């Protein structure tokens, strides 16, 4: 998901975003997790996601959502139907 759009200012260090994390043992199971945007400790000028005490590079392979509501809508689209509860991290 392109989060660098007209609706939101550019992502910067210190922002909180939401990602869907899949269970590696069951591909149809996922949950929404909050992640912090931080400066890459190794490569100056790059940003990382800090999630589960680990730095992850920010790239087009990770779907980021600016709000929990956006993440929940995407979760419902990909994993659930109306009336199902959305798991929270």
PDB file of N, CA and C in Angstrom:
ATOM      1  N   UNK A   1       0.851  -1.167   0.000  1.00  0.00           N
ATOM      2  CA  UNK A   1       0.000   0.000   0.000  1.00  0.00           C
ATOM      3  C   UNK A   1       0.895   1.227   0.000  1.00  0.00           C
ATOM      4  N   UNK A   2       0.637   2.170  -0.853  1.00  0.00           N
ATOM      5  CA  UNK A   2       1.427   3.388  -0.954  1.00  0.00           C
ATOM      6  C   UNK A   2       0.987   4.362   0.122  1.00  0.00           C
ATOM      7  N   UNK A   3       1.853   4.566   1.121  1.00  0.00           N
ATOM      8  CA  UNK A   3       1.484   5.485   2.184  1.00  0.00           C
ATOM      9  C   UNK A   3       2.031   6.880   1.941  1.00  0.00           C
ATOM     10  N   UNK A   4       2.780   7.078   0.886  1.00  0.00           N
ATOM     11  CA  UNK A   4       3.281   8.397   0.526  1.00  0.00           C
ATOM     12  C   UNK A   4       2.297   9.007  -0.458  1.00  0.00           C
ATOM     13  N   UNK A   5       1.140   9.447   0.019  1.00  0.00           N
ATOM     14  CA  UNK A   5       0.126   9.971  -0.878  1.00  0.00           C
ATOM     15  C   UNK A   5      -0.340  11.341  -0.424  1.00  0.00           C
ATOM     16  N   UNK A   6      -1.347  11.857  -1.082  1.00  0.00           N
ATOM     17  CA  UNK A   6      -1.829  13.205  -0.811  1.00  0.00           C
ATOM     18  C   UNK A   6      -2.590  13.309   0.510  1.00  0.00           C
ATOM     19  N   UNK A   7      -3.135  12.206   1.009  1.00  0.00           N
ATOM     20  CA  UNK A   7      -3.930  12.252   2.223  1.00  0.00           C
ATOM     21  C   UNK A   7      -3.085  12.408   3.477  1.00  0.00           C
ATOM     22  N   UNK A   8      -1.850  11.965   3.448  1.00  0.00           N
ATOM     23  CA  UNK A   8      -0.998  11.969   4.630  1.00  0.00           C
ATOM     24  C   UNK A   8       0.348  12.607   4.298  1.00  0.00           C
ATOM     25  N   UNK A   9       0.955  13.261   5.281  1.00  0.00           N
ATOM     26  CA  UNK A   9       2.325  13.748   5.057  1.00  0.00           C
ATOM     27  C   UNK A   9       3.280  12.559   4.950  1.00  0.00           C
ATOM     28  N   UNK A  10       4.475  12.782   4.412  1.00  0.00           N
ATOM     29  CA  UNK A  10       5.440  11.680   4.278  1.00  0.00           C
ATOM     30  C   UNK A  10       5.753  11.044   5.635  1.00  0.00           C
ATOM     31  N   UNK A  11       6.029   9.768   5.602  1.00  0.00           N
ATOM     32  CA  UNK A  11       6.411   9.032   6.817  1.00  0.00           C
ATOM     33  C   UNK A  11       7.779   9.517   7.267  1.00  0.00           C
ATOM     34  N   UNK A  12       7.945   9.636   8.578  1.00  0.00           N
ATOM     35  CA  UNK A  12       9.238  10.053   9.115  1.00  0.00           C
ATOM     36  C   UNK A  12       9.507   9.323  10.427  1.00  0.00           C
ATOM     37  N   UNK A  13      10.758   9.360  10.857  1.00  0.00           N
ATOM     38  CA  UNK A  13      11.132   8.717  12.116  1.00  0.00           C
ATOM     39  C   UNK A  13      10.259   9.268  13.233  1.00  0.00           C
ATOM     40  N   UNK A  14       9.794   8.375  14.079  1.00  0.00           N
ATOM     41  CA  UNK A  14       8.926   8.757  15.185  1.00  0.00           C
ATOM     42  C   UNK A  14       7.460   8.466  14.930  1.00  0.00           C
ATOM     43  N   UNK A  15       7.090   8.230  13.664  1.00  0.00           N
ATOM     44  CA  UNK A  15       5.698   7.906  13.341  1.00  0.00           C
ATOM     45  C   UNK A  15       5.369   6.483  13.793  1.00  0.00           C
ATOM     46  N   UNK A  16       4.100   6.268  14.058  1.00  0.00           N
ATOM     47  CA  UNK A  16       3.581   4.934  14.349  1.00  0.00           C
ATOM     48  C   UNK A  16       2.746   4.507  13.152  1.00  0.00           C
ATOM     49  N   UNK A  17       2.973   3.296  12.673  1.00  0.00           N
ATOM     50  CA  UNK A  17       2.212   2.738  11.551  1.00  0.00           C
ATOM     51  C   UNK A  17       1.695   1.365  11.978  1.00  0.00           C
ATOM     52  N   UNK A  18       0.868   0.788  11.134  1.00  0.00           N
ATOM     53  CA  UNK A  18       0.284  -0.525  11.417  1.00  0.00           C
ATOM     54  C   UNK A  18       0.590  -1.453  10.253  1.00  0.00           C
ATOM     55  N   UNK A  19       0.920  -2.690  10.579  1.00  0.00           N
ATOM     56  CA  UNK A  19       1.242  -3.694   9.568  1.00  0.00           C
ATOM     57  C   UNK A  19       0.451  -4.964   9.876  1.00  0.00           C
ATOM     58  N   UNK A  20       0.200  -5.754   8.841  1.00  0.00           N
ATOM     59  CA  UNK A  20      -0.398  -7.066   9.042  1.00  0.00           C
ATOM     60  C   UNK A  20       0.730  -8.081   9.079  1.00  0.00           C
ATOM     61  N   UNK A  21       0.760  -8.868  10.126  1.00  0.00           N
ATOM     62  CA  UNK A  21       1.796  -9.874  10.304  1.00  0.00           C
ATOM     63  C   UNK A  21       1.143 -11.242  10.169  1.00  0.00           C
ATOM     64  N   UNK A  22       1.653 -12.031   9.240  1.00  0.00           N
ATOM     65  CA  UNK A  22       1.108 -13.379   9.025  1.00  0.00           C
ATOM     66  C   UNK A  22       1.796 -14.384   9.926  1.00  0.00           C
ATOM     67  N   UNK A  23       1.033 -15.374  10.330  1.00  0.00           N
ATOM     68  CA  UNK A  23       1.566 -16.496  11.079  1.00  0.00           C
ATOM     69  C   UNK A  23       2.375 -17.345  10.098  1.00  0.00           C
ATOM     70  N   UNK A  24       3.651 -17.607  10.360  1.00  0.00           N
ATOM     71  CA  UNK A  24       4.460 -18.369   9.401  1.00  0.00           C
ATOM     72  C   UNK A  24       4.017 -19.825   9.258  1.00  0.00           C
ATOM     73  N   UNK A  25       3.231 -20.317  10.205  1.00  0.00           N
ATOM     74  CA  UNK A  25       2.786 -21.709  10.158  1.00  0.00           C
ATOM     75  C   UNK A  25       1.400 -21.873   9.555  1.00  0.00           C
ATOM     76  N   UNK A  26       0.669 -20.769   9.415  1.00  0.00           N
ATOM     77  CA  UNK A  26      -0.688 -20.819   8.847  1.00  0.00           C
ATOM     78  C   UNK A  26      -0.910 -19.540   8.049  1.00  0.00           C
ATOM     79  N   UNK A  27      -0.764 -19.611   6.745  1.00  0.00           N
ATOM     80  CA  UNK A  27      -0.802 -18.422   5.896  1.00  0.00           C
ATOM     81  C   UNK A  27      -2.143 -17.702   5.881  1.00  0.00           C
ATOM     82  N   UNK A  28      -3.200 -18.353   6.353  1.00  0.00           N
ATOM     83  CA  UNK A  28      -4.491 -17.670   6.382  1.00  0.00           C
ATOM     84  C   UNK A  28      -4.774 -17.029   7.743  1.00  0.00           C
ATOM     85  N   UNK A  29      -3.747 -16.947   8.594  1.00  0.00           N
ATOM     86  CA  UNK A  29      -3.874 -16.326   9.908  1.00  0.00           C
ATOM     87  C   UNK A  29      -2.939 -15.126   9.959  1.00  0.00           C
ATOM     88  N   UNK A  30      -3.489 -13.990  10.370  1.00  0.00           N
ATOM     89  CA  UNK A  30      -2.686 -12.772  10.477  1.00  0.00           C
ATOM     90  C   UNK A  30      -3.254 -11.913  11.592  1.00  0.00           C
ATOM     91  N   UNK A  31      -2.451 -10.952  12.032  1.00  0.00           N
ATOM     92  CA  UNK A  31      -2.956  -9.967  12.973  1.00  0.00           C
ATOM     93  C   UNK A  31      -2.346  -8.613  12.666  1.00  0.00           C
ATOM     94  N   UNK A  32      -2.951  -7.599  13.216  1.00  0.00           N
ATOM     95  CA  UNK A  32      -2.494  -6.229  13.005  1.00  0.00           C
ATOM     96  C   UNK A  32      -1.567  -5.867  14.152  1.00  0.00           C
ATOM     97  N   UNK A  33      -0.393  -5.344  13.808  1.00  0.00           N
ATOM     98  CA  UNK A  33       0.580  -4.942  14.813  1.00  0.00           C
ATOM     99  C   UNK A  33       0.970  -3.482  14.612  1.00  0.00           C
ATOM    100  N   UNK A  34       1.187  -2.803  15.706  1.00  0.00           N
ATOM    101  CA  UNK A  34       1.689  -1.436  15.667  1.00  0.00           C
ATOM    102  C   UNK A  34       3.208  -1.506  15.538  1.00  0.00           C
ATOM    103  N   UNK A  35       3.777  -0.642  14.715  1.00  0.00           N
ATOM    104  CA  UNK A  35       5.230  -0.599  14.539  1.00  0.00           C
ATOM    105  C   UNK A  35       5.687   0.853  14.554  1.00  0.00           C
ATOM    106  N   UNK A  36       6.872   1.075  15.057  1.00  0.00           N
ATOM    107  CA  UNK A  36       7.450   2.418  15.072  1.00  0.00           C
ATOM    108  C   UNK A  36       8.350   2.597  13.859  1.00  0.00           C
ATOM    109  N   UNK A  37       8.319   3.784  13.288  1.00  0.00           N
ATOM    110  CA  UNK A  37       9.243   4.133  12.209  1.00  0.00           C
ATOM    111  C   UNK A  37      10.466   4.759  12.878  1.00  0.00           C
ATOM    112  N   UNK A  38      11.636   4.181  12.613  1.00  0.00           N
ATOM    113  CA  UNK A  38      12.881   4.634  13.233  1.00  0.00           C
ATOM    114  C   UNK A  38      13.960   4.809  12.171  1.00  0.00           C
ATOM    115  N   UNK A  39      14.999   5.527  12.537  1.00  0.00           N
ATOM    116  CA  UNK A  39      16.150   5.664  11.638  1.00  0.00           C
ATOM    117  C   UNK A  39      16.917   4.341  11.603  1.00  0.00           C
ATOM    118  N   UNK A  40      17.394   3.985  10.421  1.00  0.00           N
ATOM    119  CA  UNK A  40      18.198   2.782  10.266  1.00  0.00           C
ATOM    120  C   UNK A  40      19.496   2.986  11.042  1.00  0.00           C
ATOM    121  N   UNK A  41      19.822   2.085  11.979  1.00  0.00           N
ATOM    122  CA  UNK A  41      21.029   2.281  12.783  1.00  0.00           C
ATOM    123  C   UNK A  41      22.326   2.053  12.011  1.00  0.00           C
ATOM    124  N   UNK A  42      22.236   1.442  10.827  1.00  0.00           N
ATOM    125  CA  UNK A  42      23.428   1.120  10.046  1.00  0.00           C
ATOM    126  C   UNK A  42      23.578   2.036   8.840  1.00  0.00           C
ATOM    127  N   UNK A  43      22.468   2.332   8.162  1.00  0.00           N
ATOM    128  CA  UNK A  43      22.509   3.135   6.938  1.00  0.00           C
ATOM    129  C   UNK A  43      21.869   4.490   7.174  1.00  0.00           C
ATOM    130  N   UNK A  44      22.694   5.488   7.254  1.00  0.00           N
ATOM    131  CA  UNK A  44      22.218   6.845   7.495  1.00  0.00           C
ATOM    132  C   UNK A  44      21.251   7.285   6.400  1.00  0.00           C
ATOM    133  N   UNK A  45      20.180   7.924   6.794  1.00  0.00           N
ATOM    134  CA  UNK A  45      19.216   8.434   5.836  1.00  0.00           C
ATOM    135  C   UNK A  45      18.091   7.481   5.497  1.00  0.00           C
ATOM    136  N   UNK A  46      18.194   6.214   5.908  1.00  0.00           N
ATOM    137  CA  UNK A  46      17.138   5.240   5.635  1.00  0.00           C
ATOM    138  C   UNK A  46      16.271   5.062   6.870  1.00  0.00           C
ATOM    139  N   UNK A  47      15.030   4.658   6.623  1.00  0.00           N
ATOM    140  CA  UNK A  47      14.104   4.389   7.713  1.00  0.00           C
ATOM    141  C   UNK A  47      13.846   2.893   7.828  1.00  0.00           C
ATOM    142  N   UNK A  48      13.578   2.450   9.038  1.00  0.00           N
ATOM    143  CA  UNK A  48      13.227   1.061   9.321  1.00  0.00           C
ATOM    144  C   UNK A  48      11.922   1.019  10.091  1.00  0.00           C
ATOM    145  N   UNK A  49      11.319  -0.154  10.108  1.00  0.00           N
ATOM    146  CA  UNK A  49      10.217  -0.422  11.023  1.00  0.00           C
ATOM    147  C   UNK A  49      10.809  -1.126  12.231  1.00  0.00           C
ATOM    148  N   UNK A  50      10.388  -0.741  13.404  1.00  0.00           N
ATOM    149  CA  UNK A  50      10.828  -1.418  14.618  1.00  0.00           C
ATOM    150  C   UNK A  50       9.631  -2.174  15.165  1.00  0.00           C
ATOM    151  N   UNK A  51       9.715  -3.502  15.088  1.00  0.00           N
ATOM    152  CA  UNK A  51       8.606  -4.384  15.437  1.00  0.00           C
ATOM    153  C   UNK A  51       9.180  -5.626  16.101  1.00  0.00           C
ATOM    154  N   UNK A  52       8.619  -6.031  17.219  1.00  0.00           N
ATOM    155  CA  UNK A  52       9.102  -7.202  17.955  1.00  0.00           C
ATOM    156  C   UNK A  52      10.590  -7.067  18.299  1.00  0.00           C
ATOM    157  N   UNK A  53      10.992  -5.870  18.704  1.00  0.00           N
ATOM    158  CA  UNK A  53      12.382  -5.612  19.107  1.00  0.00           C
ATOM    159  C   UNK A  53      13.381  -5.869  17.981  1.00  0.00           C
ATOM    160  N   UNK A  54      12.920  -5.750  16.733  1.00  0.00           N
ATOM    161  CA  UNK A  54      13.765  -5.991  15.567  1.00  0.00           C
ATOM    162  C   UNK A  54      13.561  -4.887  14.544  1.00  0.00           C
ATOM    163  N   UNK A  55      14.642  -4.509  13.864  1.00  0.00           N
ATOM    164  CA  UNK A  55      14.571  -3.535  12.773  1.00  0.00           C
ATOM    165  C   UNK A  55      14.258  -4.268  11.468  1.00  0.00           C
ATOM    166  N   UNK A  56      13.269  -3.747  10.720  1.00  0.00           N
ATOM    167  CA  UNK A  56      12.928  -4.288   9.407  1.00  0.00           C
ATOM    168  C   UNK A  56      13.036  -3.163   8.388  1.00  0.00           C
ATOM    169  N   UNK A  57      13.647  -3.416   7.229  1.00  0.00           N
ATOM    170  CA  UNK A  57      13.729  -2.360   6.212  1.00  0.00           C
ATOM    171  C   UNK A  57      12.342  -2.013   5.691  1.00  0.00           C
ATOM    172  N   UNK A  58      12.107  -0.740   5.464  1.00  0.00           N
ATOM    173  CA  UNK A  58      10.848  -0.309   4.852  1.00  0.00           C
ATOM    174  C   UNK A  58      11.005  -0.427   3.350  1.00  0.00           C
ATOM    175  N   UNK A  59      10.137  -1.222   2.734  1.00  0.00           N
ATOM    176  CA  UNK A  59      10.177  -1.371   1.284  1.00  0.00           C
ATOM    177  C   UNK A  59       8.778  -1.674   0.778  1.00  0.00           C
ATOM    178  N   UNK A  60       8.653  -1.833  -0.529  1.00  0.00           N
ATOM    179  CA  UNK A  60       7.342  -2.038  -1.146  1.00  0.00           C
ATOM    180  C   UNK A  60       6.747  -3.412  -0.847  1.00  0.00           C
ATOM    181  N   UNK A  61       7.491  -4.296  -0.215  1.00  0.00           N
ATOM    182  CA  UNK A  61       6.973  -5.617   0.120  1.00  0.00           C
ATOM    183  C   UNK A  61       6.158  -5.627   1.411  1.00  0.00           C
ATOM    184  N   UNK A  62       6.220  -4.551   2.165  1.00  0.00           N
ATOM    185  CA  UNK A  62       5.499  -4.470   3.432  1.00  0.00           C
ATOM    186  C   UNK A  62       4.350  -3.484   3.281  1.00  0.00           C
ATOM    187  N   UNK A  63       3.147  -3.963   3.556  1.00  0.00           N
ATOM    188  CA  UNK A  63       1.971  -3.084   3.504  1.00  0.00           C
ATOM    189  C   UNK A  63       1.884  -2.319   4.819  1.00  0.00           C
ATOM    190  N   UNK A  64       2.010  -1.007   4.720  1.00  0.00           N
ATOM    191  CA  UNK A  64       1.927  -0.137   5.893  1.00  0.00           C
ATOM    192  C   UNK A  64       0.623   0.633   5.863  1.00  0.00           C
ATOM    193  N   UNK A  65       0.059   0.845   7.025  1.00  0.00           N
ATOM    194  CA  UNK A  65      -1.175   1.616   7.149  1.00  0.00           C
ATOM    195  C   UNK A  65      -0.958   2.700   8.187  1.00  0.00           C
ATOM    196  N   UNK A  66      -1.430   3.892   7.891  1.00  0.00           N
ATOM    197  CA  UNK A  66      -1.228   5.033   8.784  1.00  0.00           C
ATOM    198  C   UNK A  66      -2.107   4.970  10.024  1.00  0.00           C
ATOM    199  N   UNK A  67      -3.268   4.325   9.922  1.00  0.00           N
ATOM    200  CA  UNK A  67      -4.177   4.239  11.068  1.00  0.00           C
ATOM    201  C   UNK A  67      -4.602   2.794  11.281  1.00  0.00           C
ATOM    202  N   UNK A  68      -5.004   2.500  12.501  1.00  0.00           N
ATOM    203  CA  UNK A  68      -5.513   1.164  12.802  1.00  0.00           C
ATOM    204  C   UNK A  68      -6.765   0.884  11.975  1.00  0.00           C
ATOM    205  N   UNK A  69      -7.587   1.916  11.755  1.00  0.00           N
ATOM    206  CA  UNK A  69      -8.811   1.733  10.980  1.00  0.00           C
ATOM    207  C   UNK A  69      -8.505   1.306   9.545  1.00  0.00           C
ATOM    208  N   UNK A  70      -7.501   1.927   8.922  1.00  0.00           N
ATOM    209  CA  UNK A  70      -7.101   1.523   7.568  1.00  0.00           C
ATOM    210  C   UNK A  70      -6.628   0.071   7.566  1.00  0.00           C
ATOM    211  N   UNK A  71      -5.846  -0.291   8.569  1.00  0.00           N
ATOM    212  CA  UNK A  71      -5.340  -1.663   8.664  1.00  0.00           C
ATOM    213  C   UNK A  71      -6.486  -2.649   8.870  1.00  0.00           C
ATOM    214  N   UNK A  72      -7.461  -2.285   9.687  1.00  0.00           N
ATOM    215  CA  UNK A  72      -8.600  -3.172   9.924  1.00  0.00           C
ATOM    216  C   UNK A  72      -9.445  -3.360   8.662  1.00  0.00           C
ATOM    217  N   UNK A  73      -9.623  -2.287   7.892  1.00  0.00           N
ATOM    218  CA  UNK A  73     -10.363  -2.420   6.622  1.00  0.00           C
ATOM    219  C   UNK A  73      -9.628  -3.363   5.672  1.00  0.00           C
ATOM    220  N   UNK A  74      -8.314  -3.210   5.578  1.00  0.00           N
ATOM    221  CA  UNK A  74      -7.525  -4.092   4.709  1.00  0.00           C
ATOM    222  C   UNK A  74      -7.584  -5.529   5.221  1.00  0.00           C
ATOM    223  N   UNK A  75      -7.513  -5.697   6.529  1.00  0.00           N
ATOM    224  CA  UNK A  75      -7.599  -7.037   7.106  1.00  0.00           C
ATOM    225  C   UNK A  75      -8.922  -7.685   6.724  1.00  0.00           C
ATOM    226  N   UNK A  76     -10.008  -6.957   6.889  1.00  0.00           N
ATOM    227  CA  UNK A  76     -11.325  -7.496   6.536  1.00  0.00           C
ATOM    228  C   UNK A  76     -11.385  -7.868   5.056  1.00  0.00           C
ATOM    229  N   UNK A  77     -10.797  -7.041   4.216  1.00  0.00           N
ATOM    230  CA  UNK A  77     -10.793  -7.309   2.778  1.00  0.00           C
ATOM    231  C   UNK A  77     -10.053  -8.613   2.459  1.00  0.00           C
ATOM    232  N   UNK A  78      -8.881  -8.791   3.062  1.00  0.00           N
ATOM    233  CA  UNK A  78      -8.038  -9.935   2.715  1.00  0.00           C
ATOM    234  C   UNK A  78      -8.328 -11.204   3.518  1.00  0.00           C
ATOM    235  N   UNK A  79      -8.780 -11.066   4.762  1.00  0.00           N
ATOM    236  CA  UNK A  79      -8.879 -12.236   5.633  1.00  0.00           C
ATOM    237  C   UNK A  79     -10.261 -12.507   6.212  1.00  0.00           C
ATOM    238  N   UNK A  80     -11.124 -11.520   6.257  1.00  0.00           N
ATOM    239  CA  UNK A  80     -12.379 -11.739   6.953  1.00  0.00           C
ATOM    240  C   UNK A  80     -13.570 -11.248   6.184  1.00  0.00           C
ATOM    241  N   UNK A  81     -14.715 -11.578   6.705  1.00  0.00           N
ATOM    242  CA  UNK A  81     -15.950 -11.073   6.128  1.00  0.00           C
ATOM    243  C   UNK A  81     -16.656 -10.241   7.183  1.00  0.00           C
ATOM    244  N   UNK A  82     -17.673  -9.532   6.784  1.00  0.00           N
ATOM    245  CA  UNK A  82     -18.414  -8.676   7.700  1.00  0.00           C
ATOM    246  C   UNK A  82     -18.908  -9.501   8.880  1.00  0.00           C
ATOM    247  N   UNK A  83     -18.771  -8.926  10.065  1.00  0.00           N
ATOM    248  CA  UNK A  83     -19.244  -9.602  11.257  1.00  0.00           C
ATOM    249  C   UNK A  83     -18.181 -10.410  11.974  1.00  0.00           C
ATOM    250  N   UNK A  84     -17.052 -10.682  11.326  1.00  0.00           N
ATOM    251  CA  UNK A  84     -15.979 -11.399  11.994  1.00  0.00           C
ATOM    252  C   UNK A  84     -15.136 -10.420  12.781  1.00  0.00           C
ATOM    253  N   UNK A  85     -14.658 -10.857  13.912  1.00  0.00           N
ATOM    254  CA  UNK A  85     -13.834  -9.997  14.745  1.00  0.00           C
ATOM    255  C   UNK A  85     -12.427  -9.919  14.171  1.00  0.00           C
ATOM    256  N   UNK A  86     -11.846  -8.720  14.208  1.00  0.00           N
ATOM    257  CA  UNK A  86     -10.487  -8.509  13.732  1.00  0.00           C
ATOM    258  C   UNK A  86      -9.546  -8.672  14.911  1.00  0.00           C
ATOM    259  N   UNK A  87      -8.583  -9.606  14.854  1.00  0.00           N
ATOM    260  CA  UNK A  87      -7.627  -9.752  15.954  1.00  0.00           C
ATOM    261  C   UNK A  87      -6.727  -8.529  16.054  1.00  0.00           C
ATOM    262  N   UNK A  88      -6.423  -8.129  17.239  1.00  0.00           N
ATOM    263  CA  UNK A  88      -5.536  -6.984  17.473  1.00  0.00           C
ATOM    264  C   UNK A  88      -4.264  -7.478  18.127  1.00  0.00           C
ATOM    265  N   UNK A  89      -3.154  -6.800  17.770  1.00  0.00           N
ATOM    266  CA  UNK A  89      -1.882  -7.185  18.352  1.00  0.00           C
ATOM    267  C   UNK A  89      -1.565  -6.431  19.580  1.00  0.00           C
TER     268      UNK A  89
END
